[in-house]
């Protein structure tokens, strides 16, 4: 069951109050899960129960996504601000350098947290930031198209589409290689999350200048990429390995951009191995 926590972060205009929604299950060393742009913490549902057998799992709705309110005025959606917000969230939840796993935007944020030594280990699933400018424009164009379509679809039509494998494919095949496996309720919920993501536009604007170029010496890092990722193509994983030479690079056969749904057992194992 989701809960919320509020905390204060500094800004050039004075302290700001931020509220974040999260779900917390399991026992063991803490593991924080960060979703991608336009998604919500339920993206991790297929792997939560598996991870919770060995970890205390905290899945987070990033500010401006899912059930978390937008950042207050005076706080940007850039990497520096998000690092500060997530660091303050860890303090509010009494998490001492948790492990972190992230997908897409969440993967980039996980790597940034690792660079700042705020976490014990990093597992990044198809992380953003290893693109060429052509690849970034392609990905951003797809994301904008997905959101535009979702915004134009009446909710009753989304609900009808979600009840057939063909409809789920039409709605989610950009991010899942096996969209038929996603439940109808989950497809409806994530479509509505994409429509209602108040942080989407600002995050996308901030992302236009992002290029991850730093090694993470001394930080255990796993980078995993689905072989059927249609949003951030898998050759970006090779670039990630060049930039972070000691990182473990894992191939996820048959998985798309959000691999947690395509092969939950494999993804859970990769995350648990990466957080040992």
C-alpha atoms as a PDB file:
ATOM      1  CA  UNK A   1       0.000   0.000   0.000  1.00  0.00           C
ATOM      2  CA  UNK A   2       1.335   3.431  -0.950  1.00  0.00           C
ATOM      3  CA  UNK A   3       2.228   6.030   1.655  1.00  0.00           C
ATOM      4  CA  UNK A   4       3.498   9.608   1.467  1.00  0.00           C
ATOM      5  CA  UNK A   5       6.329  11.485   3.129  1.00  0.00           C
ATOM      6  CA  UNK A   6       7.010  15.221   3.192  1.00  0.00           C
ATOM      7  CA  UNK A   7      10.378  16.875   3.726  1.00  0.00           C
ATOM      8  CA  UNK A   8      12.164  20.163   3.117  1.00  0.00           C
ATOM      9  CA  UNK A   9      14.850  20.821   0.506  1.00  0.00           C
ATOM     10  CA  UNK A  10      16.898  23.986  -0.044  1.00  0.00           C
ATOM     11  CA  UNK A  11      16.424  26.217  -3.061  1.00  0.00           C
ATOM     12  CA  UNK A  12      17.734  29.612  -4.213  1.00  0.00           C
ATOM     13  CA  UNK A  13      14.371  31.021  -3.107  1.00  0.00           C
ATOM     14  CA  UNK A  14      14.408  29.483   0.357  1.00  0.00           C
ATOM     15  CA  UNK A  15      13.430  26.054   1.743  1.00  0.00           C
ATOM     16  CA  UNK A  16      10.717  24.197  -0.166  1.00  0.00           C
ATOM     17  CA  UNK A  17       8.421  21.417   1.011  1.00  0.00           C
ATOM     18  CA  UNK A  18       8.312  18.316  -1.206  1.00  0.00           C
ATOM     19  CA  UNK A  19       5.901  15.382  -0.901  1.00  0.00           C
ATOM     20  CA  UNK A  20       6.638  11.956  -2.378  1.00  0.00           C
ATOM     21  CA  UNK A  21       4.460   8.859  -2.668  1.00  0.00           C
ATOM     22  CA  UNK A  22       6.121   5.497  -2.151  1.00  0.00           C
ATOM     23  CA  UNK A  23       5.470   1.822  -1.423  1.00  0.00           C
ATOM     24  CA  UNK A  24       7.625  -0.100   1.076  1.00  0.00           C
ATOM     25  CA  UNK A  25       7.684  -3.894   1.446  1.00  0.00           C
ATOM     26  CA  UNK A  26      10.027  -6.694   2.467  1.00  0.00           C
ATOM     27  CA  UNK A  27      12.982  -7.046   4.808  1.00  0.00           C
ATOM     28  CA  UNK A  28      16.732  -6.826   4.352  1.00  0.00           C
ATOM     29  CA  UNK A  29      19.102  -4.205   3.034  1.00  0.00           C
ATOM     30  CA  UNK A  30      17.141  -1.262   1.580  1.00  0.00           C
ATOM     31  CA  UNK A  31      16.652  -1.099  -2.193  1.00  0.00           C
ATOM     32  CA  UNK A  32      15.088   1.987  -3.794  1.00  0.00           C
ATOM     33  CA  UNK A  33      13.360   1.645  -7.191  1.00  0.00           C
ATOM     34  CA  UNK A  34      13.048   4.608  -9.570  1.00  0.00           C
ATOM     35  CA  UNK A  35      10.733   4.567 -12.611  1.00  0.00           C
ATOM     36  CA  UNK A  36      11.033   6.248 -16.011  1.00  0.00           C
ATOM     37  CA  UNK A  37       9.510   9.452 -17.361  1.00  0.00           C
ATOM     38  CA  UNK A  38       5.726   9.367 -17.570  1.00  0.00           C
ATOM     39  CA  UNK A  39       5.515   6.168 -15.542  1.00  0.00           C
ATOM     40  CA  UNK A  40       4.792   5.493 -11.869  1.00  0.00           C
ATOM     41  CA  UNK A  41       5.971   3.200  -9.096  1.00  0.00           C
ATOM     42  CA  UNK A  42       3.593   0.449 -10.239  1.00  0.00           C
ATOM     43  CA  UNK A  43       5.993  -0.152 -13.135  1.00  0.00           C
ATOM     44  CA  UNK A  44       7.890  -2.286 -10.603  1.00  0.00           C
ATOM     45  CA  UNK A  45       4.911  -4.415  -9.550  1.00  0.00           C
ATOM     46  CA  UNK A  46       6.024  -7.495 -11.541  1.00  0.00           C
ATOM     47  CA  UNK A  47       9.295  -7.721  -9.564  1.00  0.00           C
ATOM     48  CA  UNK A  48       8.355  -6.270  -6.156  1.00  0.00           C
ATOM     49  CA  UNK A  49       7.414  -9.550  -4.458  1.00  0.00           C
ATOM     50  CA  UNK A  50      10.534 -11.308  -5.744  1.00  0.00           C
ATOM     51  CA  UNK A  51      12.835  -8.497  -4.613  1.00  0.00           C
ATOM     52  CA  UNK A  52      11.082  -8.297  -1.235  1.00  0.00           C
ATOM     53  CA  UNK A  53      12.206 -11.839  -0.367  1.00  0.00           C
ATOM     54  CA  UNK A  54      15.763 -10.505   0.037  1.00  0.00           C
ATOM     55  CA  UNK A  55      15.492  -6.723   0.317  1.00  0.00           C
ATOM     56  CA  UNK A  56      13.454  -4.004   1.959  1.00  0.00           C
ATOM     57  CA  UNK A  57      12.064  -2.502  -1.244  1.00  0.00           C
ATOM     58  CA  UNK A  58      11.028   1.142  -1.536  1.00  0.00           C
ATOM     59  CA  UNK A  59       9.399   1.995  -4.887  1.00  0.00           C
ATOM     60  CA  UNK A  60       9.090   5.737  -5.413  1.00  0.00           C
ATOM     61  CA  UNK A  61       6.801   7.971  -7.450  1.00  0.00           C
ATOM     62  CA  UNK A  62       9.196  10.687  -8.611  1.00  0.00           C
ATOM     63  CA  UNK A  63       7.957  14.265  -8.008  1.00  0.00           C
ATOM     64  CA  UNK A  64       5.457  15.212 -10.697  1.00  0.00           C
ATOM     65  CA  UNK A  65       4.710  11.581 -11.582  1.00  0.00           C
ATOM     66  CA  UNK A  66       2.264   8.991 -10.304  1.00  0.00           C
ATOM     67  CA  UNK A  67       0.730  10.095  -7.021  1.00  0.00           C
ATOM     68  CA  UNK A  68       3.571  12.481  -6.127  1.00  0.00           C
ATOM     69  CA  UNK A  69       2.721  16.189  -6.512  1.00  0.00           C
ATOM     70  CA  UNK A  70       4.791  18.393  -8.789  1.00  0.00           C
ATOM     71  CA  UNK A  71       7.866  20.082  -7.400  1.00  0.00           C
ATOM     72  CA  UNK A  72       7.033  23.465  -5.843  1.00  0.00           C
ATOM     73  CA  UNK A  73       7.940  26.661  -7.663  1.00  0.00           C
ATOM     74  CA  UNK A  74      11.625  27.449  -7.402  1.00  0.00           C
ATOM     75  CA  UNK A  75      12.727  23.823  -7.821  1.00  0.00           C
ATOM     76  CA  UNK A  76      13.758  22.601 -11.270  1.00  0.00           C
ATOM     77  CA  UNK A  77      13.556  19.101 -12.712  1.00  0.00           C
ATOM     78  CA  UNK A  78      17.264  19.008 -13.487  1.00  0.00           C
ATOM     79  CA  UNK A  79      19.664  16.343 -12.239  1.00  0.00           C
ATOM     80  CA  UNK A  80      21.198  18.451  -9.480  1.00  0.00           C
ATOM     81  CA  UNK A  81      17.808  19.263  -7.962  1.00  0.00           C
ATOM     82  CA  UNK A  82      16.546  15.706  -8.284  1.00  0.00           C
ATOM     83  CA  UNK A  83      19.696  14.425  -6.560  1.00  0.00           C
ATOM     84  CA  UNK A  84      19.017  16.816  -3.691  1.00  0.00           C
ATOM     85  CA  UNK A  85      15.371  15.756  -3.499  1.00  0.00           C
ATOM     86  CA  UNK A  86      16.205  12.049  -3.489  1.00  0.00           C
ATOM     87  CA  UNK A  87      18.929  12.544  -0.907  1.00  0.00           C
ATOM     88  CA  UNK A  88      16.432  14.349   1.332  1.00  0.00           C
ATOM     89  CA  UNK A  89      13.922  11.546   0.714  1.00  0.00           C
ATOM     90  CA  UNK A  90      16.472   8.976   1.897  1.00  0.00           C
ATOM     91  CA  UNK A  91      16.980  10.974   5.087  1.00  0.00           C
ATOM     92  CA  UNK A  92      13.217  11.316   5.651  1.00  0.00           C
ATOM     93  CA  UNK A  93      12.776   7.541   5.262  1.00  0.00           C
ATOM     94  CA  UNK A  94      15.885   6.835   7.382  1.00  0.00           C
ATOM     95  CA  UNK A  95      17.664   5.060   4.542  1.00  0.00           C
ATOM     96  CA  UNK A  96      21.431   5.006   4.989  1.00  0.00           C
ATOM     97  CA  UNK A  97      22.957   4.703   1.506  1.00  0.00           C
ATOM     98  CA  UNK A  98      20.420   2.247   0.061  1.00  0.00           C
ATOM     99  CA  UNK A  99      20.965   0.166  -3.029  1.00  0.00           C
ATOM    100  CA  UNK A 100      19.172   1.733  -5.989  1.00  0.00           C
ATOM    101  CA  UNK A 101      17.766   0.386  -9.239  1.00  0.00           C
ATOM    102  CA  UNK A 102      16.223   2.542 -11.932  1.00  0.00           C
ATOM    103  CA  UNK A 103      14.716   2.245 -15.378  1.00  0.00           C
ATOM    104  CA  UNK A 104      15.189   4.805 -18.165  1.00  0.00           C
ATOM    105  CA  UNK A 105      15.067   8.232 -16.447  1.00  0.00           C
ATOM    106  CA  UNK A 106      15.234   6.321 -13.172  1.00  0.00           C
ATOM    107  CA  UNK A 107      18.385   4.555 -14.388  1.00  0.00           C
ATOM    108  CA  UNK A 108      20.045   7.894 -15.091  1.00  0.00           C
ATOM    109  CA  UNK A 109      19.007   9.165 -11.652  1.00  0.00           C
ATOM    110  CA  UNK A 110      20.389   5.987 -10.062  1.00  0.00           C
ATOM    111  CA  UNK A 111      23.743   6.572 -11.761  1.00  0.00           C
ATOM    112  CA  UNK A 112      23.749  10.192 -10.596  1.00  0.00           C
ATOM    113  CA  UNK A 113      23.107   9.025  -7.027  1.00  0.00           C
ATOM    114  CA  UNK A 114      26.009   6.615  -7.417  1.00  0.00           C
ATOM    115  CA  UNK A 115      28.264   9.381  -8.700  1.00  0.00           C
ATOM    116  CA  UNK A 116      27.430  11.390  -5.579  1.00  0.00           C
ATOM    117  CA  UNK A 117      28.093   8.330  -3.362  1.00  0.00           C
ATOM    118  CA  UNK A 118      24.565   8.527  -1.922  1.00  0.00           C
ATOM    119  CA  UNK A 119      23.910   4.808  -2.524  1.00  0.00           C
ATOM    120  CA  UNK A 120      25.653   1.450  -2.006  1.00  0.00           C
ATOM    121  CA  UNK A 121      25.181   0.053  -5.507  1.00  0.00           C
ATOM    122  CA  UNK A 122      23.513   0.982  -8.786  1.00  0.00           C
ATOM    123  CA  UNK A 123      21.504  -1.142 -11.210  1.00  0.00           C
ATOM    124  CA  UNK A 124      20.440   0.813 -14.292  1.00  0.00           C
ATOM    125  CA  UNK A 125      17.955  -0.726 -16.734  1.00  0.00           C
ATOM    126  CA  UNK A 126      18.122   1.012 -20.130  1.00  0.00           C
ATOM    127  CA  UNK A 127      19.302   4.252 -18.503  1.00  0.00           C
ATOM    128  CA  UNK A 128      18.910   7.590 -20.253  1.00  0.00           C
ATOM    129  CA  UNK A 129      21.945   9.732 -20.999  1.00  0.00           C
ATOM    130  CA  UNK A 130      24.082   7.471 -23.205  1.00  0.00           C
ATOM    131  CA  UNK A 131      22.504   8.600 -26.449  1.00  0.00           C
ATOM    132  CA  UNK A 132      23.725  10.505 -29.472  1.00  0.00           C
ATOM    133  CA  UNK A 133      21.745  13.653 -30.182  1.00  0.00           C
ATOM    134  CA  UNK A 134      19.970  11.869 -33.033  1.00  0.00           C
ATOM    135  CA  UNK A 135      19.001   9.013 -30.703  1.00  0.00           C
ATOM    136  CA  UNK A 136      17.836  11.478 -28.047  1.00  0.00           C
ATOM    137  CA  UNK A 137      15.618  13.339 -30.511  1.00  0.00           C
ATOM    138  CA  UNK A 138      14.175  10.031 -31.709  1.00  0.00           C
ATOM    139  CA  UNK A 139      13.414   8.923 -28.124  1.00  0.00           C
ATOM    140  CA  UNK A 140      11.920  12.272 -27.129  1.00  0.00           C
ATOM    141  CA  UNK A 141       9.783  12.272 -30.261  1.00  0.00           C
ATOM    142  CA  UNK A 142       8.407   8.836 -29.382  1.00  0.00           C
ATOM    143  CA  UNK A 143       7.697   9.906 -25.798  1.00  0.00           C
ATOM    144  CA  UNK A 144       5.871  13.032 -26.927  1.00  0.00           C
ATOM    145  CA  UNK A 145       3.865  10.998 -29.436  1.00  0.00           C
ATOM    146  CA  UNK A 146       2.924   8.457 -26.764  1.00  0.00           C
ATOM    147  CA  UNK A 147       1.743  11.197 -24.441  1.00  0.00           C
ATOM    148  CA  UNK A 148      -0.123  13.006 -27.187  1.00  0.00           C
ATOM    149  CA  UNK A 149      -2.036   9.860 -28.113  1.00  0.00           C
ATOM    150  CA  UNK A 150      -2.789   9.077 -24.460  1.00  0.00           C
ATOM    151  CA  UNK A 151      -4.100  12.595 -23.883  1.00  0.00           C
ATOM    152  CA  UNK A 152      -6.500  12.298 -26.821  1.00  0.00           C
ATOM    153  CA  UNK A 153      -7.931   8.893 -25.915  1.00  0.00           C
ATOM    154  CA  UNK A 154     -11.130   8.931 -23.836  1.00  0.00           C
ATOM    155  CA  UNK A 155     -10.812   6.808 -20.694  1.00  0.00           C
ATOM    156  CA  UNK A 156     -13.634   4.412 -21.746  1.00  0.00           C
ATOM    157  CA  UNK A 157     -11.732   3.708 -24.981  1.00  0.00           C
ATOM    158  CA  UNK A 158      -8.502   3.045 -23.065  1.00  0.00           C
ATOM    159  CA  UNK A 159     -10.415   0.629 -20.838  1.00  0.00           C
ATOM    160  CA  UNK A 160     -11.876  -1.203 -23.852  1.00  0.00           C
ATOM    161  CA  UNK A 161      -8.490  -1.435 -25.570  1.00  0.00           C
ATOM    162  CA  UNK A 162      -6.848  -2.760 -22.420  1.00  0.00           C
ATOM    163  CA  UNK A 163      -9.046  -5.868 -22.423  1.00  0.00           C
ATOM    164  CA  UNK A 164      -7.499  -7.342 -25.562  1.00  0.00           C
ATOM    165  CA  UNK A 165      -3.908  -8.291 -26.295  1.00  0.00           C
ATOM    166  CA  UNK A 166      -4.077  -6.277 -29.521  1.00  0.00           C
ATOM    167  CA  UNK A 167      -5.310  -3.220 -27.620  1.00  0.00           C
ATOM    168  CA  UNK A 168      -2.583  -3.511 -24.986  1.00  0.00           C
ATOM    169  CA  UNK A 169      -0.064  -3.803 -27.812  1.00  0.00           C
ATOM    170  CA  UNK A 170      -1.383  -0.622 -29.408  1.00  0.00           C
ATOM    171  CA  UNK A 171      -1.131   1.241 -26.116  1.00  0.00           C
ATOM    172  CA  UNK A 172       2.191  -0.003 -24.744  1.00  0.00           C
ATOM    173  CA  UNK A 173       4.329  -1.733 -27.399  1.00  0.00           C
ATOM    174  CA  UNK A 174       6.779   1.187 -27.421  1.00  0.00           C
ATOM    175  CA  UNK A 175       7.991   0.265 -23.944  1.00  0.00           C
ATOM    176  CA  UNK A 176       7.152  -3.461 -23.638  1.00  0.00           C
ATOM    177  CA  UNK A 177       8.339  -6.247 -25.910  1.00  0.00           C
ATOM    178  CA  UNK A 178       5.525  -8.452 -24.575  1.00  0.00           C
ATOM    179  CA  UNK A 179       2.665  -6.015 -23.965  1.00  0.00           C
ATOM    180  CA  UNK A 180       0.099  -8.801 -23.878  1.00  0.00           C
ATOM    181  CA  UNK A 181       1.512  -9.822 -20.500  1.00  0.00           C
ATOM    182  CA  UNK A 182       0.580  -6.501 -18.910  1.00  0.00           C
ATOM    183  CA  UNK A 183      -2.738  -6.661 -17.065  1.00  0.00           C
ATOM    184  CA  UNK A 184      -5.679  -4.545 -18.316  1.00  0.00           C
ATOM    185  CA  UNK A 185      -5.830  -2.611 -15.037  1.00  0.00           C
ATOM    186  CA  UNK A 186      -2.106  -1.871 -15.178  1.00  0.00           C
ATOM    187  CA  UNK A 187      -2.351  -0.605 -18.768  1.00  0.00           C
ATOM    188  CA  UNK A 188      -5.207   1.732 -17.877  1.00  0.00           C
ATOM    189  CA  UNK A 189      -3.399   2.998 -14.785  1.00  0.00           C
ATOM    190  CA  UNK A 190      -0.126   3.708 -16.563  1.00  0.00           C
ATOM    191  CA  UNK A 191      -1.898   5.396 -19.473  1.00  0.00           C
ATOM    192  CA  UNK A 192      -3.627   7.713 -17.003  1.00  0.00           C
ATOM    193  CA  UNK A 193      -0.296   8.235 -15.206  1.00  0.00           C
ATOM    194  CA  UNK A 194       1.265   9.345 -18.489  1.00  0.00           C
ATOM    195  CA  UNK A 195      -1.580  11.782 -19.128  1.00  0.00           C
ATOM    196  CA  UNK A 196      -1.444  13.204 -15.610  1.00  0.00           C
ATOM    197  CA  UNK A 197       2.338  13.485 -15.269  1.00  0.00           C
ATOM    198  CA  UNK A 198       2.748  17.115 -14.229  1.00  0.00           C
ATOM    199  CA  UNK A 199       6.534  16.827 -14.335  1.00  0.00           C
ATOM    200  CA  UNK A 200       6.704  15.372 -17.857  1.00  0.00           C
ATOM    201  CA  UNK A 201       7.357  18.503 -19.930  1.00  0.00           C
ATOM    202  CA  UNK A 202       9.855  20.068 -17.528  1.00  0.00           C
ATOM    203  CA  UNK A 203      11.742  16.780 -17.185  1.00  0.00           C
ATOM    204  CA  UNK A 204      11.927  16.361 -20.947  1.00  0.00           C
ATOM    205  CA  UNK A 205      13.219  19.931 -21.351  1.00  0.00           C
ATOM    206  CA  UNK A 206      15.889  19.343 -18.717  1.00  0.00           C
ATOM    207  CA  UNK A 207      16.864  16.088 -20.415  1.00  0.00           C
ATOM    208  CA  UNK A 208      17.767  17.812 -23.681  1.00  0.00           C
ATOM    209  CA  UNK A 209      21.126  18.838 -22.197  1.00  0.00           C
ATOM    210  CA  UNK A 210      21.898  15.547 -20.449  1.00  0.00           C
ATOM    211  CA  UNK A 211      24.850  13.368 -21.429  1.00  0.00           C
ATOM    212  CA  UNK A 212      26.286  10.984 -18.848  1.00  0.00           C
ATOM    213  CA  UNK A 213      30.081  11.081 -19.123  1.00  0.00           C
ATOM    214  CA  UNK A 214      31.461  10.177 -15.674  1.00  0.00           C
ATOM    215  CA  UNK A 215      32.975   6.963 -14.413  1.00  0.00           C
ATOM    216  CA  UNK A 216      31.834   5.756 -10.979  1.00  0.00           C
ATOM    217  CA  UNK A 217      35.049   4.451  -9.386  1.00  0.00           C
ATOM    218  CA  UNK A 218      34.505   2.235  -6.368  1.00  0.00           C
ATOM    219  CA  UNK A 219      30.739   1.989  -6.937  1.00  0.00           C
ATOM    220  CA  UNK A 220      29.248  -1.418  -7.876  1.00  0.00           C
ATOM    221  CA  UNK A 221      27.351  -0.753 -11.119  1.00  0.00           C
ATOM    222  CA  UNK A 222      25.196  -3.002 -13.291  1.00  0.00           C
ATOM    223  CA  UNK A 223      23.847  -1.764 -16.620  1.00  0.00           C
ATOM    224  CA  UNK A 224      21.225  -3.971 -18.279  1.00  0.00           C
ATOM    225  CA  UNK A 225      19.593  -3.520 -21.682  1.00  0.00           C
ATOM    226  CA  UNK A 226      16.693  -5.283 -23.349  1.00  0.00           C
ATOM    227  CA  UNK A 227      17.480  -6.735 -26.764  1.00  0.00           C
ATOM    228  CA  UNK A 228      14.156  -5.376 -28.064  1.00  0.00           C
ATOM    229  CA  UNK A 229      14.320  -1.890 -26.574  1.00  0.00           C
ATOM    230  CA  UNK A 230      12.566   0.337 -29.119  1.00  0.00           C
ATOM    231  CA  UNK A 231      13.019   3.604 -27.221  1.00  0.00           C
ATOM    232  CA  UNK A 232      16.682   3.673 -26.166  1.00  0.00           C
ATOM    233  CA  UNK A 233      18.389   1.314 -28.583  1.00  0.00           C
ATOM    234  CA  UNK A 234      20.680  -1.292 -27.059  1.00  0.00           C
ATOM    235  CA  UNK A 235      23.937  -0.026 -28.598  1.00  0.00           C
ATOM    236  CA  UNK A 236      23.748   2.675 -25.938  1.00  0.00           C
ATOM    237  CA  UNK A 237      24.668  -0.046 -23.444  1.00  0.00           C
ATOM    238  CA  UNK A 238      28.046  -0.430 -25.172  1.00  0.00           C
ATOM    239  CA  UNK A 239      28.644   3.296 -24.688  1.00  0.00           C
ATOM    240  CA  UNK A 240      27.712   2.977 -21.026  1.00  0.00           C
ATOM    241  CA  UNK A 241      30.291   0.197 -20.632  1.00  0.00           C
ATOM    242  CA  UNK A 242      32.978   2.366 -22.232  1.00  0.00           C
ATOM    243  CA  UNK A 243      32.195   5.249 -19.881  1.00  0.00           C
ATOM    244  CA  UNK A 244      31.941   3.015 -16.791  1.00  0.00           C
ATOM    245  CA  UNK A 245      34.503   0.301 -17.634  1.00  0.00           C
ATOM    246  CA  UNK A 246      34.069  -1.717 -14.435  1.00  0.00           C
ATOM    247  CA  UNK A 247      30.278  -1.878 -14.822  1.00  0.00           C
ATOM    248  CA  UNK A 248      28.657  -5.269 -15.334  1.00  0.00           C
ATOM    249  CA  UNK A 249      26.837  -5.088 -18.688  1.00  0.00           C
ATOM    250  CA  UNK A 250      23.915  -7.524 -18.893  1.00  0.00           C
ATOM    251  CA  UNK A 251      21.865  -8.477 -21.936  1.00  0.00           C
ATOM    252  CA  UNK A 252      18.131  -9.014 -21.343  1.00  0.00           C
ATOM    253  CA  UNK A 253      16.943 -11.318 -24.158  1.00  0.00           C
ATOM    254  CA  UNK A 254      13.455 -10.624 -25.470  1.00  0.00           C
ATOM    255  CA  UNK A 255      12.927  -7.593 -23.234  1.00  0.00           C
ATOM    256  CA  UNK A 256      11.848  -4.098 -24.187  1.00  0.00           C
ATOM    257  CA  UNK A 257      12.505  -0.701 -22.646  1.00  0.00           C
ATOM    258  CA  UNK A 258      10.678  -1.535 -19.396  1.00  0.00           C
ATOM    259  CA  UNK A 259      11.953  -5.100 -18.918  1.00  0.00           C
ATOM    260  CA  UNK A 260      10.390  -5.644 -15.474  1.00  0.00           C
ATOM    261  CA  UNK A 261       7.148  -6.747 -17.127  1.00  0.00           C
ATOM    262  CA  UNK A 262       8.719  -8.706 -19.983  1.00  0.00           C
ATOM    263  CA  UNK A 263      10.832 -11.028 -17.816  1.00  0.00           C
ATOM    264  CA  UNK A 264      10.285 -10.385 -14.083  1.00  0.00           C
ATOM    265  CA  UNK A 265      12.390 -13.312 -12.871  1.00  0.00           C
ATOM    266  CA  UNK A 266      15.420 -12.319 -14.956  1.00  0.00           C
ATOM    267  CA  UNK A 267      15.184  -8.632 -14.027  1.00  0.00           C
ATOM    268  CA  UNK A 268      14.771  -9.403 -10.326  1.00  0.00           C
ATOM    269  CA  UNK A 269      17.833 -11.652 -10.436  1.00  0.00           C
ATOM    270  CA  UNK A 270      19.892  -8.967 -12.176  1.00  0.00           C
ATOM    271  CA  UNK A 271      18.891  -6.398  -9.542  1.00  0.00           C
ATOM    272  CA  UNK A 272      19.550  -8.729  -6.617  1.00  0.00           C
ATOM    273  CA  UNK A 273      22.911  -9.799  -8.018  1.00  0.00           C
ATOM    274  CA  UNK A 274      23.818  -6.164  -8.595  1.00  0.00           C
ATOM    275  CA  UNK A 275      23.014  -5.267  -4.989  1.00  0.00           C
ATOM    276  CA  UNK A 276      25.078  -8.010  -3.341  1.00  0.00           C
END
